PDB file of all heavy atoms in Angstrom:
ATOM      1  N   ALA A   1      91.289  85.538 122.015  1.00  0.00           N
ATOM      2  CA  ALA A   1      91.377  85.057 123.379  1.00  0.00           C
ATOM      3  C   ALA A   1      90.788  83.652 123.450  1.00  0.00           C
ATOM      4  O   ALA A   1      89.950  83.283 122.623  1.00  0.00           O
ATOM      5  CB  ALA A   1      90.638  85.995 124.326  1.00  0.00           C
ATOM      6  N   PRO A   2      91.205  82.848 124.431  1.00  0.00           N
ATOM      7  CA  PRO A   2      90.662  81.490 124.559  1.00  0.00           C
ATOM      8  C   PRO A   2      89.143  81.490 124.640  1.00  0.00           C
ATOM      9  O   PRO A   2      88.553  82.261 125.400  1.00  0.00           O
ATOM     10  CB  PRO A   2      91.292  80.985 125.855  1.00  0.00           C
ATOM     11  CG  PRO A   2      92.558  81.759 125.979  1.00  0.00           C
ATOM     12  CD  PRO A   2      92.234  83.122 125.438  1.00  0.00           C
ATOM     13  N   GLY A   3      88.515  80.628 123.848  1.00  0.00           N
ATOM     14  CA  GLY A   3      87.073  80.510 123.861  1.00  0.00           C
ATOM     15  C   GLY A   3      86.329  81.599 123.125  1.00  0.00           C
ATOM     16  O   GLY A   3      85.092  81.620 123.172  1.00  0.00           O
ATOM     17  N   LYS A   4      87.033  82.490 122.457  1.00  0.00           N
ATOM     18  CA  LYS A   4      86.393  83.587 121.744  1.00  0.00           C
ATOM     19  C   LYS A   4      86.768  83.559 120.267  1.00  0.00           C
ATOM     20  O   LYS A   4      87.778  82.972 119.870  1.00  0.00           O
ATOM     21  CB  LYS A   4      86.785  84.936 122.346  1.00  0.00           C
ATOM     22  CG  LYS A   4      86.380  85.120 123.793  1.00  0.00           C
ATOM     23  CD  LYS A   4      86.666  86.524 124.275  1.00  0.00           C
ATOM     24  CE  LYS A   4      85.790  87.541 123.561  1.00  0.00           C
ATOM     25  NZ  LYS A   4      86.013  88.928 124.085  1.00  0.00           N
ATOM     26  N   GLN A   5      85.940  84.198 119.460  1.00  0.00           N
ATOM     27  CA  GLN A   5      86.214  84.321 118.037  1.00  0.00           C
ATOM     28  C   GLN A   5      87.379  85.284 117.801  1.00  0.00           C
ATOM     29  O   GLN A   5      87.639  86.176 118.611  1.00  0.00           O
ATOM     30  CB  GLN A   5      84.975  84.821 117.293  1.00  0.00           C
ATOM     31  CG  GLN A   5      83.765  83.908 117.366  1.00  0.00           C
ATOM     32  CD  GLN A   5      83.818  82.794 116.354  1.00  0.00           C
ATOM     33  OE1 GLN A   5      84.824  82.599 115.667  1.00  0.00           O
ATOM     34  NE2 GLN A   5      82.736  82.051 116.246  1.00  0.00           N
ATOM     35  N   ARG A   6      88.059  85.083 116.682  1.00  0.00           N
ATOM     36  CA  ARG A   6      89.100  86.008 116.302  1.00  0.00           C
ATOM     37  C   ARG A   6      88.505  87.385 116.027  1.00  0.00           C
ATOM     38  O   ARG A   6      87.454  87.507 115.389  1.00  0.00           O
ATOM     39  CB  ARG A   6      89.832  85.488 115.067  1.00  0.00           C
ATOM     40  CG  ARG A   6      91.067  86.301 114.698  1.00  0.00           C
ATOM     41  CD  ARG A   6      91.765  85.707 113.495  1.00  0.00           C
ATOM     42  NE  ARG A   6      90.947  85.777 112.304  1.00  0.00           N
ATOM     43  CZ  ARG A   6      91.252  85.218 111.141  1.00  0.00           C
ATOM     44  NH1 ARG A   6      92.374  84.517 111.035  1.00  0.00           N
ATOM     45  NH2 ARG A   6      90.445  85.339 110.101  1.00  0.00           N
ATOM     46  N   GLU A   7      89.174  88.413 116.496  1.00  0.00           N
ATOM     47  CA  GLU A   7      88.678  89.777 116.404  1.00  0.00           C
ATOM     48  C   GLU A   7      89.666  90.645 115.631  1.00  0.00           C
ATOM     49  O   GLU A   7      90.864  90.664 115.935  1.00  0.00           O
ATOM     50  CB  GLU A   7      88.462  90.361 117.806  1.00  0.00           C
ATOM     51  CG  GLU A   7      88.019  91.813 117.829  1.00  0.00           C
ATOM     52  CD  GLU A   7      88.004  92.400 119.225  1.00  0.00           C
ATOM     53  OE1 GLU A   7      88.654  91.824 120.116  1.00  0.00           O
ATOM     54  OE2 GLU A   7      87.333  93.431 119.431  1.00  0.00           O
ATOM     55  N   TRP A   8      89.174  91.371 114.657  1.00  0.00           N
ATOM     56  CA  TRP A   8      89.998  92.335 113.955  1.00  0.00           C
ATOM     57  C   TRP A   8      90.263  93.543 114.855  1.00  0.00           C
ATOM     58  O   TRP A   8      89.351  94.042 115.517  1.00  0.00           O
ATOM     59  CB  TRP A   8      89.308  92.777 112.664  1.00  0.00           C
ATOM     60  CG  TRP A   8      89.981  93.927 111.990  1.00  0.00           C
ATOM     61  CD1 TRP A   8      91.114  93.905 111.237  1.00  0.00           C
ATOM     62  CD2 TRP A   8      89.548  95.291 112.018  1.00  0.00           C
ATOM     63  NE1 TRP A   8      91.424  95.169 110.792  1.00  0.00           N
ATOM     64  CE2 TRP A   8      90.474  96.038 111.254  1.00  0.00           C
ATOM     65  CE3 TRP A   8      88.465  95.949 112.603  1.00  0.00           C
ATOM     66  CZ2 TRP A   8      90.348  97.409 111.072  1.00  0.00           C
ATOM     67  CZ3 TRP A   8      88.339  97.312 112.422  1.00  0.00           C
ATOM     68  CH2 TRP A   8      89.272  98.026 111.660  1.00  0.00           C
ATOM     69  N   VAL A   9      91.499  94.019 114.860  1.00  0.00           N
ATOM     70  CA  VAL A   9      91.908  95.095 115.749  1.00  0.00           C
ATOM     71  C   VAL A   9      92.193  96.384 114.998  1.00  0.00           C
ATOM     72  O   VAL A   9      91.685  97.446 115.346  1.00  0.00           O
ATOM     73  CB  VAL A   9      93.147  94.690 116.575  1.00  0.00           C
ATOM     74  CG1 VAL A   9      93.650  95.857 117.419  1.00  0.00           C
ATOM     75  CG2 VAL A   9      92.820  93.495 117.466  1.00  0.00           C
ATOM     76  N   ALA A  10      93.037  96.305 113.963  1.00  0.00           N
ATOM     77  CA  ALA A  10      93.469  97.510 113.261  1.00  0.00           C
ATOM     78  C   ALA A  10      94.014  97.136 111.899  1.00  0.00           C
ATOM     79  O   ALA A  10      94.401  95.989 111.658  1.00  0.00           O
ATOM     80  CB  ALA A  10      94.530  98.269 114.066  1.00  0.00           C
ATOM     81  N   SER A  11      94.070  98.103 111.004  1.00  0.00           N
ATOM     82  CA  SER A  11      94.623  97.883 109.682  1.00  0.00           C
ATOM     83  C   SER A  11      95.372  99.111 109.209  1.00  0.00           C
ATOM     84  O   SER A  11      95.094 100.238 109.638  1.00  0.00           O
ATOM     85  CB  SER A  11      93.529  97.516 108.676  1.00  0.00           C
ATOM     86  OG  SER A  11      92.637  98.598 108.477  1.00  0.00           O
ATOM     87  N   ILE A  12      96.309  98.875 108.315  1.00  0.00           N
ATOM     88  CA  ILE A  12      97.029  99.958 107.662  1.00  0.00           C
ATOM     89  C   ILE A  12      97.213  99.578 106.198  1.00  0.00           C
ATOM     90  O   ILE A  12      97.549  98.439 105.877  1.00  0.00           O
ATOM     91  CB  ILE A  12      98.378 100.258 108.353  1.00  0.00           C
ATOM     92  CG1 ILE A  12      99.022 101.507 107.756  1.00  0.00           C
ATOM     93  CG2 ILE A  12      99.315  99.056 108.288  1.00  0.00           C
ATOM     94  CD1 ILE A  12     100.159 102.055 108.607  1.00  0.00           C
ATOM     95  N   THR A  13      96.969 100.522 105.312  1.00  0.00           N
ATOM     96  CA  THR A  13      97.039 100.264 103.888  1.00  0.00           C
ATOM     97  C   THR A  13      98.421 100.577 103.340  1.00  0.00           C
ATOM     98  O   THR A  13      99.302 101.079 104.043  1.00  0.00           O
ATOM     99  CB  THR A  13      95.999 101.098 103.132  1.00  0.00           C
ATOM    100  OG1 THR A  13      96.373 102.482 103.179  1.00  0.00           O
ATOM    101  CG2 THR A  13      94.610 100.927 103.735  1.00  0.00           C
ATOM    102  N   THR A  14      98.594 100.295 102.055  1.00  0.00           N
ATOM    103  CA  THR A  14      99.842 100.639 101.394  1.00  0.00           C
ATOM    104  C   THR A  14     100.062 102.141 101.348  1.00  0.00           C
ATOM    105  O   THR A  14     101.202 102.591 101.236  1.00  0.00           O
ATOM    106  CB  THR A  14      99.868 100.075  99.970  1.00  0.00           C
ATOM    107  OG1 THR A  14      98.742 100.566  99.230  1.00  0.00           O
ATOM    108  CG2 THR A  14      99.810  98.549  99.996  1.00  0.00           C
ATOM    109  N   GLY A  15      98.979 102.901 101.424  1.00  0.00           N
ATOM    110  CA  GLY A  15      99.060 104.349 101.466  1.00  0.00           C
ATOM    111  C   GLY A  15      99.073 104.921 102.866  1.00  0.00           C
ATOM    112  O   GLY A  15      98.928 106.137 103.027  1.00  0.00           O
ATOM    113  N   ASP A  16      99.207 104.059 103.871  1.00  0.00           N
ATOM    114  CA  ASP A  16      99.322 104.437 105.284  1.00  0.00           C
ATOM    115  C   ASP A  16      98.020 104.943 105.882  1.00  0.00           C
ATOM    116  O   ASP A  16      98.036 105.594 106.935  1.00  0.00           O
ATOM    117  CB  ASP A  16     100.422 105.477 105.492  1.00  0.00           C
ATOM    118  CG  ASP A  16     101.810 104.947 105.189  1.00  0.00           C
ATOM    119  OD1 ASP A  16     101.967 103.713 105.080  1.00  0.00           O
ATOM    120  OD2 ASP A  16     102.735 105.765 105.050  1.00  0.00           O
ATOM    121  N   SER A  17      96.891 104.652 105.244  1.00  0.00           N
ATOM    122  CA  SER A  17      95.610 104.929 105.874  1.00  0.00           C
ATOM    123  C   SER A  17      95.343 103.889 106.962  1.00  0.00           C
ATOM    124  O   SER A  17      95.634 102.708 106.782  1.00  0.00           O
ATOM    125  CB  SER A  17      94.481 104.901 104.851  1.00  0.00           C
ATOM    126  OG  SER A  17      94.650 105.913 103.876  1.00  0.00           O
ATOM    127  N   THR A  18      94.779 104.318 108.075  1.00  0.00           N
ATOM    128  CA  THR A  18      94.571 103.430 109.218  1.00  0.00           C
ATOM    129  C   THR A  18      93.114 103.392 109.631  1.00  0.00           C
ATOM    130  O   THR A  18      92.387 104.381 109.501  1.00  0.00           O
ATOM    131  CB  THR A  18      95.419 103.862 110.420  1.00  0.00           C
ATOM    132  OG1 THR A  18      95.062 105.198 110.804  1.00  0.00           O
ATOM    133  CG2 THR A  18      96.898 103.835 110.069  1.00  0.00           C
ATOM    134  N   THR A  19      92.689 102.242 110.141  1.00  0.00           N
ATOM    135  CA  THR A  19      91.369 102.072 110.725  1.00  0.00           C
ATOM    136  C   THR A  19      91.495 101.196 111.959  1.00  0.00           C
ATOM    137  O   THR A  19      92.426 100.401 112.078  1.00  0.00           O
ATOM    138  CB  THR A  19      90.365 101.452 109.740  1.00  0.00           C
ATOM    139  OG1 THR A  19      90.905 100.240 109.195  1.00  0.00           O
ATOM    140  CG2 THR A  19      90.050 102.415 108.606  1.00  0.00           C
ATOM    141  N   TYR A  20      90.519 101.337 112.872  1.00  0.00           N
ATOM    142  CA  TYR A  20      90.583 100.649 114.153  1.00  0.00           C
ATOM    143  C   TYR A  20      89.223 100.111 114.551  1.00  0.00           C
ATOM    144  O   TYR A  20      88.183 100.680 114.215  1.00  0.00           O
ATOM    145  CB  TYR A  20      91.066 101.597 115.252  1.00  0.00           C
ATOM    146  CG  TYR A  20      92.430 102.184 114.999  1.00  0.00           C
ATOM    147  CD1 TYR A  20      92.573 103.387 114.325  1.00  0.00           C
ATOM    148  CD2 TYR A  20      93.574 101.518 115.431  1.00  0.00           C
ATOM    149  CE1 TYR A  20      93.826 103.924 114.083  1.00  0.00           C
ATOM    150  CE2 TYR A  20      94.833 102.046 115.192  1.00  0.00           C
ATOM    151  CZ  TYR A  20      94.952 103.252 114.521  1.00  0.00           C
ATOM    152  OH  TYR A  20      96.193 103.778 114.285  1.00  0.00           O
ATOM    153  N   ALA A  21      89.246  99.019 115.291  1.00  0.00           N
ATOM    154  CA  ALA A  21      88.036  98.544 115.932  1.00  0.00           C
ATOM    155  C   ALA A  21      87.622  99.527 117.014  1.00  0.00           C
ATOM    156  O   ALA A  21      88.462 100.183 117.642  1.00  0.00           O
ATOM    157  CB  ALA A  21      88.262  97.160 116.532  1.00  0.00           C
ATOM    158  N   ASP A  22      86.320  99.633 117.235  1.00  0.00           N
ATOM    159  CA  ASP A  22      85.829 100.565 118.240  1.00  0.00           C
ATOM    160  C   ASP A  22      86.409 100.277 119.623  1.00  0.00           C
ATOM    161  O   ASP A  22      86.618 101.196 120.423  1.00  0.00           O
ATOM    162  CB  ASP A  22      84.303 100.520 118.301  1.00  0.00           C
ATOM    163  CG  ASP A  22      83.646 101.160 117.090  1.00  0.00           C
ATOM    164  OD1 ASP A  22      84.313 101.942 116.389  1.00  0.00           O
ATOM    165  OD2 ASP A  22      82.456 100.879 116.852  1.00  0.00           O
ATOM    166  N   SER A  23      86.681  99.019 119.908  1.00  0.00           N
ATOM    167  CA  SER A  23      87.153  98.630 121.222  1.00  0.00           C
ATOM    168  C   SER A  23      88.550  99.147 121.542  1.00  0.00           C
ATOM    169  O   SER A  23      88.929  99.216 122.716  1.00  0.00           O
ATOM    170  CB  SER A  23      87.125  97.106 121.369  1.00  0.00           C
ATOM    171  OG  SER A  23      87.928  96.488 120.376  1.00  0.00           O
ATOM    172  N   VAL A  24      89.322  99.506 120.520  1.00  0.00           N
ATOM    173  CA  VAL A  24      90.692  99.962 120.735  1.00  0.00           C
ATOM    174  C   VAL A  24      90.931 101.378 120.247  1.00  0.00           C
ATOM    175  O   VAL A  24      92.021 101.926 120.467  1.00  0.00           O
ATOM    176  CB  VAL A  24      91.719  99.015 120.081  1.00  0.00           C
ATOM    177  CG1 VAL A  24      91.499  97.579 120.543  1.00  0.00           C
ATOM    178  CG2 VAL A  24      91.644  99.102 118.556  1.00  0.00           C
ATOM    179  N   LYS A  25      89.954 101.972 119.607  1.00  0.00           N
ATOM    180  CA  LYS A  25      90.112 103.311 119.052  1.00  0.00           C
ATOM    181  C   LYS A  25      90.473 104.308 120.151  1.00  0.00           C
ATOM    182  O   LYS A  25      89.851 104.343 121.210  1.00  0.00           O
ATOM    183  CB  LYS A  25      88.832 103.730 118.338  1.00  0.00           C
ATOM    184  CG  LYS A  25      88.963 104.974 117.477  1.00  0.00           C
ATOM    185  CD  LYS A  25      87.667 105.233 116.697  1.00  0.00           C
ATOM    186  CE  LYS A  25      87.343 104.067 115.777  1.00  0.00           C
ATOM    187  NZ  LYS A  25      86.090 104.307 114.986  1.00  0.00           N
ATOM    188  N   GLY A  26      91.491 105.114 119.885  1.00  0.00           N
ATOM    189  CA  GLY A  26      91.963 106.082 120.854  1.00  0.00           C
ATOM    190  C   GLY A  26      93.040 105.556 121.777  1.00  0.00           C
ATOM    191  O   GLY A  26      93.697 106.351 122.467  1.00  0.00           O
ATOM    192  N   ARG A  27      93.233 104.242 121.815  1.00  0.00           N
ATOM    193  CA  ARG A  27      94.251 103.632 122.669  1.00  0.00           C
ATOM    194  C   ARG A  27      95.371 102.982 121.872  1.00  0.00           C
ATOM    195  O   ARG A  27      96.527 102.992 122.303  1.00  0.00           O
ATOM    196  CB  ARG A  27      93.620 102.591 123.598  1.00  0.00           C
ATOM    197  CG  ARG A  27      92.558 103.157 124.529  1.00  0.00           C
ATOM    198  CD  ARG A  27      92.094 102.115 125.542  1.00  0.00           C
ATOM    199  NE  ARG A  27      91.466 100.966 124.891  1.00  0.00           N
ATOM    200  CZ  ARG A  27      91.920  99.713 124.981  1.00  0.00           C
ATOM    201  NH1 ARG A  27      92.997  99.438 125.715  1.00  0.00           N
ATOM    202  NH2 ARG A  27      91.278  98.724 124.363  1.00  0.00           N
ATOM    203  N   PHE A  28      95.038 102.398 120.726  1.00  0.00           N
ATOM    204  CA  PHE A  28      96.016 101.693 119.896  1.00  0.00           C
ATOM    205  C   PHE A  28      96.356 102.527 118.666  1.00  0.00           C
ATOM    206  O   PHE A  28      95.504 103.254 118.132  1.00  0.00           O
ATOM    207  CB  PHE A  28      95.469 100.343 119.434  1.00  0.00           C
ATOM    208  CG  PHE A  28      95.328  99.303 120.508  1.00  0.00           C
ATOM    209  CD1 PHE A  28      95.441  99.619 121.852  1.00  0.00           C
ATOM    210  CD2 PHE A  28      95.074  97.986 120.158  1.00  0.00           C
ATOM    211  CE1 PHE A  28      95.305  98.657 122.830  1.00  0.00           C
ATOM    212  CE2 PHE A  28      94.937  97.010 121.128  1.00  0.00           C
ATOM    213  CZ  PHE A  28      95.048  97.347 122.470  1.00  0.00           C
ATOM    214  N   THR A  29      97.585 102.389 118.191  1.00  0.00           N
ATOM    215  CA  THR A  29      98.026 103.056 116.973  1.00  0.00           C
ATOM    216  C   THR A  29      98.808 102.080 116.113  1.00  0.00           C
ATOM    217  O   THR A  29      99.780 101.485 116.581  1.00  0.00           O
ATOM    218  CB  THR A  29      98.909 104.277 117.280  1.00  0.00           C
ATOM    219  OG1 THR A  29      98.189 105.204 118.102  1.00  0.00           O
ATOM    220  CG2 THR A  29      99.310 104.979 115.984  1.00  0.00           C
ATOM    221  N   ILE A  30      98.387 101.920 114.878  1.00  0.00           N
ATOM    222  CA  ILE A  30      99.110 101.083 113.928  1.00  0.00           C
ATOM    223  C   ILE A  30      99.935 101.985 113.021  1.00  0.00           C
ATOM    224  O   ILE A  30      99.481 103.054 112.610  1.00  0.00           O
ATOM    225  CB  ILE A  30      98.150 100.186 113.116  1.00  0.00           C
ATOM    226  CG1 ILE A  30      98.927  99.196 112.252  1.00  0.00           C
ATOM    227  CG2 ILE A  30      97.188 101.009 112.274  1.00  0.00           C
ATOM    228  CD1 ILE A  30      98.043  98.142 111.581  1.00  0.00           C
ATOM    229  N   SER A  31     101.149 101.572 112.730  1.00  0.00           N
ATOM    230  CA  SER A  31     102.030 102.346 111.872  1.00  0.00           C
ATOM    231  C   SER A  31     102.970 101.393 111.149  1.00  0.00           C
ATOM    232  O   SER A  31     103.050 100.212 111.478  1.00  0.00           O
ATOM    233  CB  SER A  31     102.822 103.384 112.674  1.00  0.00           C
ATOM    234  OG  SER A  31     103.656 102.751 113.629  1.00  0.00           O
ATOM    235  N   ARG A  32     103.680 101.909 110.170  1.00  0.00           N
ATOM    236  CA  ARG A  32     104.632 101.071 109.459  1.00  0.00           C
ATOM    237  C   ARG A  32     105.868 101.864 109.085  1.00  0.00           C
ATOM    238  O   ARG A  32     105.813 103.067 108.817  1.00  0.00           O
ATOM    239  CB  ARG A  32     103.982 100.437 108.219  1.00  0.00           C
ATOM    240  CG  ARG A  32     103.627 101.393 107.088  1.00  0.00           C
ATOM    241  CD  ARG A  32     102.702 100.727 106.065  1.00  0.00           C
ATOM    242  NE  ARG A  32     103.245  99.473 105.555  1.00  0.00           N
ATOM    243  CZ  ARG A  32     102.555  98.579 104.848  1.00  0.00           C
ATOM    244  NH1 ARG A  32     101.265  98.796 104.578  1.00  0.00           N
ATOM    245  NH2 ARG A  32     103.136  97.463 104.425  1.00  0.00           N
ATOM    246  N   ASP A  33     106.991 101.159 109.079  1.00  0.00           N
ATOM    247  CA  ASP A  33     108.258 101.682 108.604  1.00  0.00           C
ATOM    248  C   ASP A  33     108.592 100.898 107.348  1.00  0.00           C
ATOM    249  O   ASP A  33     109.104  99.780 107.417  1.00  0.00           O
ATOM    250  CB  ASP A  33     109.340 101.527 109.670  1.00  0.00           C
ATOM    251  CG  ASP A  33     110.648 102.190 109.273  1.00  0.00           C
ATOM    252  OD1 ASP A  33     110.917 102.344 108.067  1.00  0.00           O
ATOM    253  OD2 ASP A  33     111.419 102.562 110.188  1.00  0.00           O
ATOM    254  N   LYS A  34     108.276 101.460 106.202  1.00  0.00           N
ATOM    255  CA  LYS A  34     108.426 100.736 104.947  1.00  0.00           C
ATOM    256  C   LYS A  34     109.890 100.435 104.622  1.00  0.00           C
ATOM    257  O   LYS A  34     110.193  99.402 104.032  1.00  0.00           O
ATOM    258  CB  LYS A  34     107.775 101.524 103.814  1.00  0.00           C
ATOM    259  CG  LYS A  34     106.264 101.627 103.944  1.00  0.00           C
ATOM    260  CD  LYS A  34     105.645 102.391 102.786  1.00  0.00           C
ATOM    261  CE  LYS A  34     104.138 102.443 102.920  1.00  0.00           C
ATOM    262  NZ  LYS A  34     103.504 103.212 101.812  1.00  0.00           N
ATOM    263  N   ALA A  35     110.793 101.324 105.015  1.00  0.00           N
ATOM    264  CA  ALA A  35     112.204 101.096 104.751  1.00  0.00           C
ATOM    265  C   ALA A  35     112.737  99.892 105.513  1.00  0.00           C
ATOM    266  O   ALA A  35     113.644  99.200 105.042  1.00  0.00           O
ATOM    267  CB  ALA A  35     113.019 102.341 105.094  1.00  0.00           C
ATOM    268  N   LYS A  36     112.183  99.632 106.702  1.00  0.00           N
ATOM    269  CA  LYS A  36     112.636  98.524 107.533  1.00  0.00           C
ATOM    270  C   LYS A  36     111.716  97.312 107.465  1.00  0.00           C
ATOM    271  O   LYS A  36     111.964  96.324 108.153  1.00  0.00           O
ATOM    272  CB  LYS A  36     112.776  98.980 108.982  1.00  0.00           C
ATOM    273  CG  LYS A  36     113.845 100.044 109.187  1.00  0.00           C
ATOM    274  CD  LYS A  36     113.984 100.415 110.654  1.00  0.00           C
ATOM    275  CE  LYS A  36     115.079 101.437 110.858  1.00  0.00           C
ATOM    276  NZ  LYS A  36     115.222 101.808 112.290  1.00  0.00           N
ATOM    277  N   ASN A  37     110.656  97.389 106.670  1.00  0.00           N
ATOM    278  CA  ASN A  37     109.716  96.274 106.509  1.00  0.00           C
ATOM    279  C   ASN A  37     109.112  95.837 107.845  1.00  0.00           C
ATOM    280  O   ASN A  37     109.028  94.646 108.150  1.00  0.00           O
ATOM    281  CB  ASN A  37     110.393  95.083 105.830  1.00  0.00           C
ATOM    282  CG  ASN A  37     110.720  95.336 104.379  1.00  0.00           C
ATOM    283  OD1 ASN A  37     110.104  96.168 103.725  1.00  0.00           O
ATOM    284  ND2 ASN A  37     111.694  94.603 103.859  1.00  0.00           N
ATOM    285  N   VAL A  38     108.674  96.793 108.625  1.00  0.00           N
ATOM    286  CA  VAL A  38     108.102  96.519 109.939  1.00  0.00           C
ATOM    287  C   VAL A  38     106.789  97.272 110.097  1.00  0.00           C
ATOM    288  O   VAL A  38     106.685  98.440 109.712  1.00  0.00           O
ATOM    289  CB  VAL A  38     109.063  96.921 111.073  1.00  0.00           C
ATOM    290  CG1 VAL A  38     108.421  96.653 112.431  1.00  0.00           C
ATOM    291  CG2 VAL A  38     110.374  96.161 110.967  1.00  0.00           C
ATOM    292  N   VAL A  39     105.799  96.592 110.655  1.00  0.00           N
ATOM    293  CA  VAL A  39     104.547  97.208 111.056  1.00  0.00           C
ATOM    294  C   VAL A  39     104.437  97.121 112.574  1.00  0.00           C
ATOM    295  O   VAL A  39     104.739  96.083 113.162  1.00  0.00           O
ATOM    296  CB  VAL A  39     103.343  96.532 110.380  1.00  0.00           C
ATOM    297  CG1 VAL A  39     102.030  97.052 110.963  1.00  0.00           C
ATOM    298  CG2 VAL A  39     103.374  96.786 108.883  1.00  0.00           C
ATOM    299  N   PHE A  40     104.012  98.202 113.195  1.00  0.00           N
ATOM    300  CA  PHE A  40     103.921  98.278 114.645  1.00  0.00           C
ATOM    301  C   PHE A  40     102.468  98.395 115.093  1.00  0.00           C
ATOM    302  O   PHE A  40     101.610  98.891 114.368  1.00  0.00           O
ATOM    303  CB  PHE A  40     104.679  99.495 115.182  1.00  0.00           C
ATOM    304  CG  PHE A  40     106.131  99.522 114.821  1.00  0.00           C
ATOM    305  CD1 PHE A  40     106.594 100.335 113.803  1.00  0.00           C
ATOM    306  CD2 PHE A  40     107.042  98.737 115.503  1.00  0.00           C
ATOM    307  CE1 PHE A  40     107.929 100.374 113.468  1.00  0.00           C
ATOM    308  CE2 PHE A  40     108.384  98.758 115.183  1.00  0.00           C
ATOM    309  CZ  PHE A  40     108.829  99.576 114.159  1.00  0.00           C
ATOM    310  N   LEU A  41     102.216  97.945 116.293  1.00  0.00           N
ATOM    311  CA  LEU A  41     100.965  98.212 116.973  1.00  0.00           C
ATOM    312  C   LEU A  41     101.302  98.738 118.363  1.00  0.00           C
ATOM    313  O   LEU A  41     101.690  97.969 119.244  1.00  0.00           O
ATOM    314  CB  LEU A  41     100.086  96.968 117.067  1.00  0.00           C
ATOM    315  CG  LEU A  41      98.705  97.197 117.680  1.00  0.00           C
ATOM    316  CD1 LEU A  41      97.849  98.075 116.764  1.00  0.00           C
ATOM    317  CD2 LEU A  41      97.993  95.875 117.957  1.00  0.00           C
ATOM    318  N   GLN A  42     101.191 100.044 118.534  1.00  0.00           N
ATOM    319  CA  GLN A  42     101.407 100.672 119.832  1.00  0.00           C
ATOM    320  C   GLN A  42     100.124 100.570 120.634  1.00  0.00           C
ATOM    321  O   GLN A  42      99.077 101.041 120.187  1.00  0.00           O
ATOM    322  CB  GLN A  42     101.818 102.130 119.659  1.00  0.00           C
ATOM    323  CG  GLN A  42     102.012 102.883 120.969  1.00  0.00           C
ATOM    324  CD  GLN A  42     103.193 102.376 121.759  1.00  0.00           C
ATOM    325  OE1 GLN A  42     104.272 102.168 121.197  1.00  0.00           O
ATOM    326  NE2 GLN A  42     103.009 102.171 123.054  1.00  0.00           N
ATOM    327  N   MET A  43     100.196  99.974 121.805  1.00  0.00           N
ATOM    328  CA  MET A  43      99.030  99.741 122.636  1.00  0.00           C
ATOM    329  C   MET A  43      99.209 100.485 123.955  1.00  0.00           C
ATOM    330  O   MET A  43     100.126 100.181 124.726  1.00  0.00           O
ATOM    331  CB  MET A  43      98.825  98.248 122.884  1.00  0.00           C
ATOM    332  CG  MET A  43      98.750  97.416 121.607  1.00  0.00           C
ATOM    333  SD  MET A  43      98.387  95.669 121.925  1.00  0.00           S
ATOM    334  CE  MET A  43      99.857  95.216 122.864  1.00  0.00           C
ATOM    335  N   ASN A  44      98.347 101.447 124.209  1.00  0.00           N
ATOM    336  CA  ASN A  44      98.377 102.233 125.435  1.00  0.00           C
ATOM    337  C   ASN A  44      97.098 102.005 126.229  1.00  0.00           C
ATOM    338  O   ASN A  44      96.096 101.529 125.705  1.00  0.00           O
ATOM    339  CB  ASN A  44      98.531 103.719 125.119  1.00  0.00           C
ATOM    340  CG  ASN A  44      99.813 104.046 124.394  1.00  0.00           C
ATOM    341  OD1 ASN A  44     100.854 103.438 124.646  1.00  0.00           O
ATOM    342  ND2 ASN A  44      99.755 105.031 123.494  1.00  0.00           N
TER     343      ASN A  44
END
């Protein structure tokens, strides 16, 4: 955000393991479609 440091939000590994920042845990979901070469971030 303007005037703020860059913040890590979420990650997904090659094995599809996921981790989240505490600020978004339970609301955001990271996933990937390896066949389509796309990574998603669902934000609720």
